[in-house]
Amino acid sequence: MLAADELGSSGVRVNGIRPGLIRTELVEAVLSSPEITADYRACTPLGRVGEVADVANMALFLLSDAASYVTGQIINVDGGQMLRRGPDFSAMFEPLFGAAALRGVV
């Protein structure tokens, strides 16, 4: 991260948080599908959906003195999901767009 490099000499730390699937109103449609939720959990080493508190706790850590030597990092808060494949959203999208669209047929 260029900002971390440029601002480090001024004592400014620059980090980012990359959340995974976090239980919010925005992802309620995803979480209301038992098929997608089960597949997501199967693709996540920690086996659960993230909570807002998980992201907030990472932000608190980065703001604390415990992270005083951390800069230029993008930290995944995703239960390890980025280590595996993403969930299969076909149960949600096939009714909307049709099976042919999911196969890339226009």
PDB file of N, CA and C in Angstrom:
ATOM      1  N   MET A   1       0.839  -1.179   0.000  1.00  0.00           N
ATOM      2  CA  MET A   1       0.000   0.000   0.000  1.00  0.00           C
ATOM      3  C   MET A   1       0.882   1.240   0.000  1.00  0.00           C
ATOM      4  N   LEU A   2       0.707   2.016  -1.011  1.00  0.00           N
ATOM      5  CA  LEU A   2       1.521   3.209  -1.181  1.00  0.00           C
ATOM      6  C   LEU A   2       1.371   4.184  -0.018  1.00  0.00           C
ATOM      7  N   ALA A   3       0.144   4.349   0.487  1.00  0.00           N
ATOM      8  CA  ALA A   3      -0.081   5.300   1.580  1.00  0.00           C
ATOM      9  C   ALA A   3       0.711   4.905   2.821  1.00  0.00           C
ATOM     10  N   ALA A   4       0.789   3.616   3.116  1.00  0.00           N
ATOM     11  CA  ALA A   4       1.556   3.157   4.279  1.00  0.00           C
ATOM     12  C   ALA A   4       3.028   3.487   4.106  1.00  0.00           C
ATOM     13  N   ASP A   5       3.525   3.336   2.883  1.00  0.00           N
ATOM     14  CA  ASP A   5       4.927   3.642   2.611  1.00  0.00           C
ATOM     15  C   ASP A   5       5.195   5.136   2.731  1.00  0.00           C
ATOM     16  N   GLU A   6       4.326   5.932   2.158  1.00  0.00           N
ATOM     17  CA  GLU A   6       4.539   7.376   2.166  1.00  0.00           C
ATOM     18  C   GLU A   6       4.335   8.013   3.538  1.00  0.00           C
ATOM     19  N   LEU A   7       3.406   7.478   4.325  1.00  0.00           N
ATOM     20  CA  LEU A   7       3.058   8.108   5.601  1.00  0.00           C
ATOM     21  C   LEU A   7       3.758   7.494   6.813  1.00  0.00           C
ATOM     22  N   GLY A   8       4.433   6.369   6.606  1.00  0.00           N
ATOM     23  CA  GLY A   8       5.084   5.696   7.719  1.00  0.00           C
ATOM     24  C   GLY A   8       6.083   6.565   8.460  1.00  0.00           C
ATOM     25  N   SER A   9       6.861   7.351   7.734  1.00  0.00           N
ATOM     26  CA  SER A   9       7.868   8.195   8.386  1.00  0.00           C
ATOM     27  C   SER A   9       7.237   9.276   9.259  1.00  0.00           C
ATOM     28  N   SER A  10       5.958   9.537   9.055  1.00  0.00           N
ATOM     29  CA  SER A  10       5.223  10.497   9.894  1.00  0.00           C
ATOM     30  C   SER A  10       4.516   9.813  11.058  1.00  0.00           C
ATOM     31  N   GLY A  11       4.708   8.507  11.173  1.00  0.00           N
ATOM     32  CA  GLY A  11       4.076   7.758  12.258  1.00  0.00           C
ATOM     33  C   GLY A  11       2.642   7.351  11.970  1.00  0.00           C
ATOM     34  N   VAL A  12       2.213   7.511  10.730  1.00  0.00           N
ATOM     35  CA  VAL A  12       0.849   7.141  10.359  1.00  0.00           C
ATOM     36  C   VAL A  12       0.854   5.708   9.837  1.00  0.00           C
ATOM     37  N   ARG A  13      -0.022   4.888  10.409  1.00  0.00           N
ATOM     38  CA  ARG A  13      -0.165   3.512   9.961  1.00  0.00           C
ATOM     39  C   ARG A  13      -1.399   3.423   9.071  1.00  0.00           C
ATOM     40  N   VAL A  14      -1.295   2.657   7.995  1.00  0.00           N
ATOM     41  CA  VAL A  14      -2.403   2.492   7.051  1.00  0.00           C
ATOM     42  C   VAL A  14      -2.638   1.003   6.857  1.00  0.00           C
ATOM     43  N   ASN A  15      -3.819   0.554   7.203  1.00  0.00           N
ATOM     44  CA  ASN A  15      -4.200  -0.845   7.055  1.00  0.00           C
ATOM     45  C   ASN A  15      -5.636  -0.899   6.547  1.00  0.00           C
ATOM     46  N   GLY A  16      -6.018  -2.045   6.057  1.00  0.00           N
ATOM     47  CA  GLY A  16      -7.391  -2.231   5.605  1.00  0.00           C
ATOM     48  C   GLY A  16      -7.958  -3.525   6.141  1.00  0.00           C
ATOM     49  N   ILE A  17      -9.268  -3.563   6.255  1.00  0.00           N
ATOM     50  CA  ILE A  17      -9.972  -4.771   6.692  1.00  0.00           C
ATOM     51  C   ILE A  17     -10.829  -5.239   5.523  1.00  0.00           C
ATOM     52  N   ARG A  18     -10.674  -6.514   5.159  1.00  0.00           N
ATOM     53  CA  ARG A  18     -11.456  -7.108   4.082  1.00  0.00           C
ATOM     54  C   ARG A  18     -12.388  -8.147   4.708  1.00  0.00           C
ATOM     55  N   PRO A  19     -13.637  -7.757   4.976  1.00  0.00           N
ATOM     56  CA  PRO A  19     -14.562  -8.689   5.619  1.00  0.00           C
ATOM     57  C   PRO A  19     -15.086  -9.734   4.649  1.00  0.00           C
ATOM     58  N   GLY A  20     -15.375 -10.893   5.189  1.00  0.00           N
ATOM     59  CA  GLY A  20     -16.060 -11.934   4.427  1.00  0.00           C
ATOM     60  C   GLY A  20     -17.557 -11.735   4.555  1.00  0.00           C
ATOM     61  N   LEU A  21     -18.288 -12.831   4.542  1.00  0.00           N
ATOM     62  CA  LEU A  21     -19.741 -12.767   4.690  1.00  0.00           C
ATOM     63  C   LEU A  21     -20.054 -12.447   6.152  1.00  0.00           C
ATOM     64  N   ILE A  22     -20.566 -11.257   6.385  1.00  0.00           N
ATOM     65  CA  ILE A  22     -20.866 -10.773   7.736  1.00  0.00           C
ATOM     66  C   ILE A  22     -22.367 -10.606   7.861  1.00  0.00           C
ATOM     67  N   ARG A  23     -22.925 -11.120   8.934  1.00  0.00           N
ATOM     68  CA  ARG A  23     -24.373 -11.072   9.145  1.00  0.00           C
ATOM     69  C   ARG A  23     -24.841  -9.619   9.298  1.00  0.00           C
ATOM     70  N   THR A  24     -25.409  -9.092   8.224  1.00  0.00           N
ATOM     71  CA  THR A  24     -25.977  -7.747   8.206  1.00  0.00           C
ATOM     72  C   THR A  24     -27.249  -7.782   7.377  1.00  0.00           C
ATOM     73  N   GLU A  25     -27.987  -6.682   7.356  1.00  0.00           N
ATOM     74  CA  GLU A  25     -29.188  -6.597   6.525  1.00  0.00           C
ATOM     75  C   GLU A  25     -28.845  -6.769   5.049  1.00  0.00           C
ATOM     76  N   LEU A  26     -27.674  -6.318   4.649  1.00  0.00           N
ATOM     77  CA  LEU A  26     -27.268  -6.381   3.248  1.00  0.00           C
ATOM     78  C   LEU A  26     -27.177  -7.821   2.734  1.00  0.00           C
ATOM     79  N   VAL A  27     -26.791  -8.758   3.575  1.00  0.00           N
ATOM     80  CA  VAL A  27     -26.634 -10.149   3.140  1.00  0.00           C
ATOM     81  C   VAL A  27     -27.762 -11.050   3.634  1.00  0.00           C
ATOM     82  N   GLU A  28     -28.843 -10.465   4.103  1.00  0.00           N
ATOM     83  CA  GLU A  28     -29.960 -11.264   4.613  1.00  0.00           C
ATOM     84  C   GLU A  28     -30.505 -12.224   3.562  1.00  0.00           C
ATOM     85  N   ALA A  29     -30.560 -11.791   2.292  1.00  0.00           N
ATOM     86  CA  ALA A  29     -31.062 -12.679   1.231  1.00  0.00           C
ATOM     87  C   ALA A  29     -30.170 -13.907   1.079  1.00  0.00           C
ATOM     88  N   VAL A  30     -28.880 -13.734   1.206  1.00  0.00           N
ATOM     89  CA  VAL A  30     -27.950 -14.863   1.117  1.00  0.00           C
ATOM     90  C   VAL A  30     -28.156 -15.791   2.304  1.00  0.00           C
ATOM     91  N   LEU A  31     -28.243 -15.224   3.496  1.00  0.00           N
ATOM     92  CA  LEU A  31     -28.364 -16.041   4.706  1.00  0.00           C
ATOM     93  C   LEU A  31     -29.731 -16.695   4.849  1.00  0.00           C
ATOM     94  N   SER A  32     -30.727 -16.196   4.131  1.00  0.00           N
ATOM     95  CA  SER A  32     -32.060 -16.811   4.223  1.00  0.00           C
ATOM     96  C   SER A  32     -32.163 -18.058   3.355  1.00  0.00           C
ATOM     97  N   SER A  33     -31.155 -18.329   2.540  1.00  0.00           N
ATOM     98  CA  SER A  33     -31.131 -19.530   1.712  1.00  0.00           C
ATOM     99  C   SER A  33     -30.366 -20.634   2.446  1.00  0.00           C
ATOM    100  N   PRO A  34     -31.065 -21.699   2.851  1.00  0.00           N
ATOM    101  CA  PRO A  34     -30.365 -22.788   3.557  1.00  0.00           C
ATOM    102  C   PRO A  34     -29.258 -23.426   2.719  1.00  0.00           C
ATOM    103  N   GLU A  35     -29.473 -23.527   1.403  1.00  0.00           N
ATOM    104  CA  GLU A  35     -28.467 -24.146   0.533  1.00  0.00           C
ATOM    105  C   GLU A  35     -27.185 -23.302   0.489  1.00  0.00           C
ATOM    106  N   ILE A  36     -27.347 -22.002   0.305  1.00  0.00           N
ATOM    107  CA  ILE A  36     -26.175 -21.130   0.216  1.00  0.00           C
ATOM    108  C   ILE A  36     -25.458 -21.048   1.560  1.00  0.00           C
ATOM    109  N   THR A  37     -26.218 -20.922   2.632  1.00  0.00           N
ATOM    110  CA  THR A  37     -25.612 -20.833   3.963  1.00  0.00           C
ATOM    111  C   THR A  37     -24.824 -22.102   4.289  1.00  0.00           C
ATOM    112  N   ALA A  38     -25.397 -23.262   3.968  1.00  0.00           N
ATOM    113  CA  ALA A  38     -24.696 -24.528   4.233  1.00  0.00           C
ATOM    114  C   ALA A  38     -23.427 -24.631   3.398  1.00  0.00           C
ATOM    115  N   ASP A  39     -23.498 -24.222   2.125  1.00  0.00           N
ATOM    116  CA  ASP A  39     -22.321 -24.283   1.271  1.00  0.00           C
ATOM    117  C   ASP A  39     -21.260 -23.292   1.742  1.00  0.00           C
ATOM    118  N   TYR A  40     -21.695 -22.106   2.140  1.00  0.00           N
ATOM    119  CA  TYR A  40     -20.745 -21.115   2.656  1.00  0.00           C
ATOM    120  C   TYR A  40     -20.016 -21.669   3.878  1.00  0.00           C
ATOM    121  N   ARG A  41     -20.756 -22.269   4.797  1.00  0.00           N
ATOM    122  CA  ARG A  41     -20.112 -22.826   5.996  1.00  0.00           C
ATOM    123  C   ARG A  41     -19.145 -23.942   5.648  1.00  0.00           C
ATOM    124  N   ALA A  42     -19.498 -24.741   4.641  1.00  0.00           N
ATOM    125  CA  ALA A  42     -18.611 -25.820   4.198  1.00  0.00           C
ATOM    126  C   ALA A  42     -17.328 -25.258   3.584  1.00  0.00           C
ATOM    127  N   CYS A  43     -17.397 -24.065   3.016  1.00  0.00           N
ATOM    128  CA  CYS A  43     -16.232 -23.428   2.381  1.00  0.00           C
ATOM    129  C   CYS A  43     -15.427 -22.574   3.352  1.00  0.00           C
ATOM    130  N   THR A  44     -15.833 -22.498   4.594  1.00  0.00           N
ATOM    131  CA  THR A  44     -15.185 -21.634   5.579  1.00  0.00           C
ATOM    132  C   THR A  44     -14.561 -22.486   6.675  1.00  0.00           C
ATOM    133  N   PRO A  45     -13.243 -22.469   6.822  1.00  0.00           N
ATOM    134  CA  PRO A  45     -12.601 -23.290   7.842  1.00  0.00           C
ATOM    135  C   PRO A  45     -13.183 -23.134   9.250  1.00  0.00           C
ATOM    136  N   LEU A  46     -13.563 -21.921   9.642  1.00  0.00           N
ATOM    137  CA  LEU A  46     -14.132 -21.747  10.976  1.00  0.00           C
ATOM    138  C   LEU A  46     -15.615 -22.123  11.019  1.00  0.00           C
ATOM    139  N   GLY A  47     -16.219 -22.377   9.864  1.00  0.00           N
ATOM    140  CA  GLY A  47     -17.555 -22.977   9.800  1.00  0.00           C
ATOM    141  C   GLY A  47     -18.713 -22.130  10.282  1.00  0.00           C
ATOM    142  N   ARG A  48     -18.573 -20.820  10.244  1.00  0.00           N
ATOM    143  CA  ARG A  48     -19.694 -19.979  10.663  1.00  0.00           C
ATOM    144  C   ARG A  48     -19.692 -18.685   9.877  1.00  0.00           C
ATOM    145  N   VAL A  49     -20.819 -18.017   9.910  1.00  0.00           N
ATOM    146  CA  VAL A  49     -20.949 -16.701   9.299  1.00  0.00           C
ATOM    147  C   VAL A  49     -20.372 -15.679  10.269  1.00  0.00           C
ATOM    148  N   GLY A  50     -19.718 -14.665   9.739  1.00  0.00           N
ATOM    149  CA  GLY A  50     -19.137 -13.638  10.589  1.00  0.00           C
ATOM    150  C   GLY A  50     -20.187 -12.707  11.172  1.00  0.00           C
ATOM    151  N   GLU A  51     -19.821 -12.095  12.255  1.00  0.00           N
ATOM    152  CA  GLU A  51     -20.688 -11.121  12.925  1.00  0.00           C
ATOM    153  C   GLU A  51     -20.028  -9.743  12.832  1.00  0.00           C
ATOM    154  N   VAL A  52     -20.827  -8.716  12.940  1.00  0.00           N
ATOM    155  CA  VAL A  52     -20.309  -7.344  12.906  1.00  0.00           C
ATOM    156  C   VAL A  52     -19.220  -7.168  13.965  1.00  0.00           C
ATOM    157  N   ALA A  53     -19.387  -7.793  15.095  1.00  0.00           N
ATOM    158  CA  ALA A  53     -18.398  -7.685  16.178  1.00  0.00           C
ATOM    159  C   ALA A  53     -17.030  -8.230  15.755  1.00  0.00           C
ATOM    160  N   ASP A  54     -16.996  -9.216  14.859  1.00  0.00           N
ATOM    161  CA  ASP A  54     -15.721  -9.748  14.394  1.00  0.00           C
ATOM    162  C   ASP A  54     -14.920  -8.671  13.656  1.00  0.00           C
ATOM    163  N   VAL A  55     -15.602  -7.908  12.823  1.00  0.00           N
ATOM    164  CA  VAL A  55     -14.939  -6.825  12.082  1.00  0.00           C
ATOM    165  C   VAL A  55     -14.585  -5.684  13.035  1.00  0.00           C
ATOM    166  N   ALA A  56     -15.495  -5.364  13.939  1.00  0.00           N
ATOM    167  CA  ALA A  56     -15.238  -4.291  14.903  1.00  0.00           C
ATOM    168  C   ALA A  56     -14.041  -4.629  15.782  1.00  0.00           C
ATOM    169  N   ASN A  57     -13.913  -5.880  16.186  1.00  0.00           N
ATOM    170  CA  ASN A  57     -12.778  -6.275  17.018  1.00  0.00           C
ATOM    171  C   ASN A  57     -11.455  -6.137  16.274  1.00  0.00           C
ATOM    172  N   MET A  58     -11.461  -6.421  14.965  1.00  0.00           N
ATOM    173  CA  MET A  58     -10.235  -6.226  14.193  1.00  0.00           C
ATOM    174  C   MET A  58      -9.906  -4.744  14.107  1.00  0.00           C
ATOM    175  N   ALA A  59     -10.918  -3.912  13.905  1.00  0.00           N
ATOM    176  CA  ALA A  59     -10.683  -2.462  13.859  1.00  0.00           C
ATOM    177  C   ALA A  59     -10.127  -1.972  15.195  1.00  0.00           C
ATOM    178  N   LEU A  60     -10.682  -2.463  16.293  1.00  0.00           N
ATOM    179  CA  LEU A  60     -10.184  -2.072  17.615  1.00  0.00           C
ATOM    180  C   LEU A  60      -8.728  -2.501  17.798  1.00  0.00           C
ATOM    181  N   PHE A  61      -8.403  -3.696  17.346  1.00  0.00           N
ATOM    182  CA  PHE A  61      -7.013  -4.155  17.431  1.00  0.00           C
ATOM    183  C   PHE A  61      -6.092  -3.224  16.646  1.00  0.00           C
ATOM    184  N   LEU A  62      -6.487  -2.911  15.401  1.00  0.00           N
ATOM    185  CA  LEU A  62      -5.636  -2.062  14.564  1.00  0.00           C
ATOM    186  C   LEU A  62      -5.478  -0.658  15.138  1.00  0.00           C
ATOM    187  N   LEU A  63      -6.476  -0.192  15.865  1.00  0.00           N
ATOM    188  CA  LEU A  63      -6.400   1.124  16.499  1.00  0.00           C
ATOM    189  C   LEU A  63      -5.617   1.113  17.814  1.00  0.00           C
ATOM    190  N   SER A  64      -5.375  -0.080  18.326  1.00  0.00           N
ATOM    191  CA  SER A  64      -4.738  -0.185  19.638  1.00  0.00           C
ATOM    192  C   SER A  64      -3.220  -0.163  19.532  1.00  0.00           C
ATOM    193  N   ASP A  65      -2.571   0.011  20.686  1.00  0.00           N
ATOM    194  CA  ASP A  65      -1.119  -0.044  20.767  1.00  0.00           C
ATOM    195  C   ASP A  65      -0.591  -1.437  20.432  1.00  0.00           C
ATOM    196  N   ALA A  66      -1.447  -2.459  20.562  1.00  0.00           N
ATOM    197  CA  ALA A  66      -1.016  -3.822  20.240  1.00  0.00           C
ATOM    198  C   ALA A  66      -0.663  -3.962  18.761  1.00  0.00           C
ATOM    199  N   ALA A  67      -1.173  -3.072  17.922  1.00  0.00           N
ATOM    200  CA  ALA A  67      -0.883  -3.111  16.484  1.00  0.00           C
ATOM    201  C   ALA A  67       0.053  -1.987  16.065  1.00  0.00           C
ATOM    202  N   SER A  68       0.829  -1.466  17.000  1.00  0.00           N
ATOM    203  CA  SER A  68       1.656  -0.296  16.706  1.00  0.00           C
ATOM    204  C   SER A  68       2.739  -0.546  15.659  1.00  0.00           C
ATOM    205  N   TYR A  69       3.035  -1.801  15.357  1.00  0.00           N
ATOM    206  CA  TYR A  69       4.059  -2.113  14.364  1.00  0.00           C
ATOM    207  C   TYR A  69       3.447  -2.780  13.133  1.00  0.00           C
ATOM    208  N   VAL A  70       2.148  -2.571  12.936  1.00  0.00           N
ATOM    209  CA  VAL A  70       1.443  -3.140  11.790  1.00  0.00           C
ATOM    210  C   VAL A  70       1.051  -2.003  10.865  1.00  0.00           C
ATOM    211  N   THR A  71       1.521  -2.077   9.623  1.00  0.00           N
ATOM    212  CA  THR A  71       1.125  -1.086   8.617  1.00  0.00           C
ATOM    213  C   THR A  71       1.237  -1.707   7.235  1.00  0.00           C
ATOM    214  N   GLY A  72       0.454  -1.195   6.315  1.00  0.00           N
ATOM    215  CA  GLY A  72       0.492  -1.672   4.942  1.00  0.00           C
ATOM    216  C   GLY A  72      -0.154  -3.022   4.729  1.00  0.00           C
ATOM    217  N   GLN A  73      -1.080  -3.394   5.605  1.00  0.00           N
ATOM    218  CA  GLN A  73      -1.685  -4.722   5.530  1.00  0.00           C
ATOM    219  C   GLN A  73      -3.177  -4.640   5.182  1.00  0.00           C
ATOM    220  N   ILE A  74      -3.625  -5.621   4.436  1.00  0.00           N
ATOM    221  CA  ILE A  74      -5.051  -5.848   4.226  1.00  0.00           C
ATOM    222  C   ILE A  74      -5.346  -7.145   4.975  1.00  0.00           C
ATOM    223  N   ILE A  75      -6.198  -7.074   5.970  1.00  0.00           N
ATOM    224  CA  ILE A  75      -6.441  -8.222   6.837  1.00  0.00           C
ATOM    225  C   ILE A  75      -7.833  -8.774   6.563  1.00  0.00           C
ATOM    226  N   ASN A  76      -7.867 -10.059   6.165  1.00  0.00           N
ATOM    227  CA  ASN A  76      -9.143 -10.732   5.942  1.00  0.00           C
ATOM    228  C   ASN A  76      -9.783 -11.068   7.282  1.00  0.00           C
ATOM    229  N   VAL A  77     -11.036 -10.731   7.413  1.00  0.00           N
ATOM    230  CA  VAL A  77     -11.833 -11.141   8.573  1.00  0.00           C
ATOM    231  C   VAL A  77     -12.980 -11.952   7.973  1.00  0.00           C
ATOM    232  N   ASP A  78     -12.664 -13.216   7.677  1.00  0.00           N
ATOM    233  CA  ASP A  78     -13.588 -14.043   6.899  1.00  0.00           C
ATOM    234  C   ASP A  78     -13.646 -15.495   7.357  1.00  0.00           C
ATOM    235  N   GLY A  79     -13.113 -15.778   8.532  1.00  0.00           N
ATOM    236  CA  GLY A  79     -13.139 -17.151   9.030  1.00  0.00           C
ATOM    237  C   GLY A  79     -12.293 -18.107   8.209  1.00  0.00           C
ATOM    238  N   GLY A  80     -11.434 -17.565   7.357  1.00  0.00           N
ATOM    239  CA  GLY A  80     -10.589 -18.397   6.501  1.00  0.00           C
ATOM    240  C   GLY A  80     -11.210 -18.729   5.160  1.00  0.00           C
ATOM    241  N   GLN A  81     -12.347 -18.133   4.836  1.00  0.00           N
ATOM    242  CA  GLN A  81     -13.063 -18.473   3.606  1.00  0.00           C
ATOM    243  C   GLN A  81     -12.226 -18.239   2.356  1.00  0.00           C
ATOM    244  N   MET A  82     -11.354 -17.235   2.347  1.00  0.00           N
ATOM    245  CA  MET A  82     -10.530 -16.959   1.164  1.00  0.00           C
ATOM    246  C   MET A  82      -9.533 -18.087   0.875  1.00  0.00           C
ATOM    247  N   LEU A  83      -9.359 -19.005   1.811  1.00  0.00           N
ATOM    248  CA  LEU A  83      -8.479 -20.148   1.599  1.00  0.00           C
ATOM    249  C   LEU A  83      -9.110 -21.194   0.691  1.00  0.00           C
ATOM    250  N   ARG A  84     -10.432 -21.114   0.548  1.00  0.00           N
ATOM    251  CA  ARG A  84     -11.194 -22.106  -0.218  1.00  0.00           C
ATOM    252  C   ARG A  84     -11.990 -21.410  -1.312  1.00  0.00           C
ATOM    253  N   ARG A  85     -12.832 -22.156  -1.966  1.00  0.00           N
ATOM    254  CA  ARG A  85     -13.680 -21.590  -3.022  1.00  0.00           C
ATOM    255  C   ARG A  85     -14.827 -20.805  -2.410  1.00  0.00           C
ATOM    256  N   GLY A  86     -15.433 -19.971  -3.217  1.00  0.00           N
ATOM    257  CA  GLY A  86     -16.604 -19.237  -2.772  1.00  0.00           C
ATOM    258  C   GLY A  86     -17.830 -20.129  -2.773  1.00  0.00           C
ATOM    259  N   PRO A  87     -18.873 -19.702  -2.096  1.00  0.00           N
ATOM    260  CA  PRO A  87     -20.099 -20.512  -2.037  1.00  0.00           C
ATOM    261  C   PRO A  87     -20.814 -20.544  -3.381  1.00  0.00           C
ATOM    262  N   ASP A  88     -21.638 -21.548  -3.566  1.00  0.00           N
ATOM    263  CA  ASP A  88     -22.432 -21.729  -4.780  1.00  0.00           C
ATOM    264  C   ASP A  88     -23.730 -20.926  -4.621  1.00  0.00           C
ATOM    265  N   PHE A  89     -23.865 -19.863  -5.407  1.00  0.00           N
ATOM    266  CA  PHE A  89     -25.034 -18.992  -5.332  1.00  0.00           C
ATOM    267  C   PHE A  89     -26.128 -19.385  -6.324  1.00  0.00           C
ATOM    268  N   SER A  90     -26.005 -20.538  -6.970  1.00  0.00           N
ATOM    269  CA  SER A  90     -26.975 -20.896  -7.998  1.00  0.00           C
ATOM    270  C   SER A  90     -28.392 -21.033  -7.440  1.00  0.00           C
ATOM    271  N   ALA A  91     -28.550 -21.447  -6.197  1.00  0.00           N
ATOM    272  CA  ALA A  91     -29.894 -21.561  -5.609  1.00  0.00           C
ATOM    273  C   ALA A  91     -30.595 -20.208  -5.556  1.00  0.00           C
ATOM    274  N   MET A  92     -29.834 -19.140  -5.459  1.00  0.00           N
ATOM    275  CA  MET A  92     -30.408 -17.795  -5.417  1.00  0.00           C
ATOM    276  C   MET A  92     -30.587 -17.217  -6.822  1.00  0.00           C
ATOM    277  N   PHE A  93     -29.601 -17.449  -7.691  1.00  0.00           N
ATOM    278  CA  PHE A  93     -29.600 -16.790  -8.990  1.00  0.00           C
ATOM    279  C   PHE A  93     -30.350 -17.546 -10.086  1.00  0.00           C
ATOM    280  N   GLU A  94     -30.420 -18.858  -9.997  1.00  0.00           N
ATOM    281  CA  GLU A  94     -31.124 -19.605 -11.055  1.00  0.00           C
ATOM    282  C   GLU A  94     -32.591 -19.209 -11.170  1.00  0.00           C
ATOM    283  N   PRO A  95     -33.332 -19.066 -10.057  1.00  0.00           N
ATOM    284  CA  PRO A  95     -34.726 -18.616 -10.201  1.00  0.00           C
ATOM    285  C   PRO A  95     -34.842 -17.216 -10.809  1.00  0.00           C
ATOM    286  N   LEU A  96     -33.851 -16.366 -10.589  1.00  0.00           N
ATOM    287  CA  LEU A  96     -33.894 -15.007 -11.124  1.00  0.00           C
ATOM    288  C   LEU A  96     -33.515 -14.938 -12.593  1.00  0.00           C
ATOM    289  N   PHE A  97     -32.468 -15.684 -12.989  1.00  0.00           N
ATOM    290  CA  PHE A  97     -31.882 -15.527 -14.322  1.00  0.00           C
ATOM    291  C   PHE A  97     -32.017 -16.760 -15.216  1.00  0.00           C
ATOM    292  N   GLY A  98     -32.368 -17.906 -14.639  1.00  0.00           N
ATOM    293  CA  GLY A  98     -32.478 -19.131 -15.413  1.00  0.00           C
ATOM    294  C   GLY A  98     -31.186 -19.915 -15.447  1.00  0.00           C
ATOM    295  N   ALA A  99     -31.325 -21.223 -15.657  1.00  0.00           N
ATOM    296  CA  ALA A  99     -30.155 -22.113 -15.659  1.00  0.00           C
ATOM    297  C   ALA A  99     -29.202 -21.784 -16.807  1.00  0.00           C
ATOM    298  N   ALA A 100     -29.733 -21.390 -17.959  1.00  0.00           N
ATOM    299  CA  ALA A 100     -28.877 -21.079 -19.105  1.00  0.00           C
ATOM    300  C   ALA A 100     -27.971 -19.891 -18.802  1.00  0.00           C
ATOM    301  N   ALA A 101     -28.486 -18.886 -18.120  1.00  0.00           N
ATOM    302  CA  ALA A 101     -27.683 -17.714 -17.801  1.00  0.00           C
ATOM    303  C   ALA A 101     -26.534 -18.083 -16.864  1.00  0.00           C
ATOM    304  N   LEU A 102     -26.771 -19.005 -15.946  1.00  0.00           N
ATOM    305  CA  LEU A 102     -25.697 -19.413 -15.043  1.00  0.00           C
ATOM    306  C   LEU A 102     -24.591 -20.160 -15.776  1.00  0.00           C
ATOM    307  N   ARG A 103     -24.921 -20.764 -16.907  1.00  0.00           N
ATOM    308  CA  ARG A 103     -23.909 -21.455 -17.706  1.00  0.00           C
ATOM    309  C   ARG A 103     -23.242 -20.503 -18.691  1.00  0.00           C
ATOM    310  N   GLY A 104     -23.663 -19.228 -18.707  1.00  0.00           N
ATOM    311  CA  GLY A 104     -23.056 -18.251 -19.602  1.00  0.00           C
ATOM    312  C   GLY A 104     -23.707 -18.191 -20.970  1.00  0.00           C
ATOM    313  N   VAL A 105     -24.853 -18.837 -21.128  1.00  0.00           N
ATOM    314  CA  VAL A 105     -25.566 -18.809 -22.405  1.00  0.00           C
ATOM    315  C   VAL A 105     -26.411 -17.544 -22.445  1.00  0.00           C
ATOM    316  N   VAL A 106     -26.207 -16.754 -23.479  1.00  0.00           N
ATOM    317  CA  VAL A 106     -26.936 -15.491 -23.599  1.00  0.00           C
ATOM    318  C   VAL A 106     -28.117 -15.655 -24.531  1.00  0.00           C
TER     319      VAL A 106
END
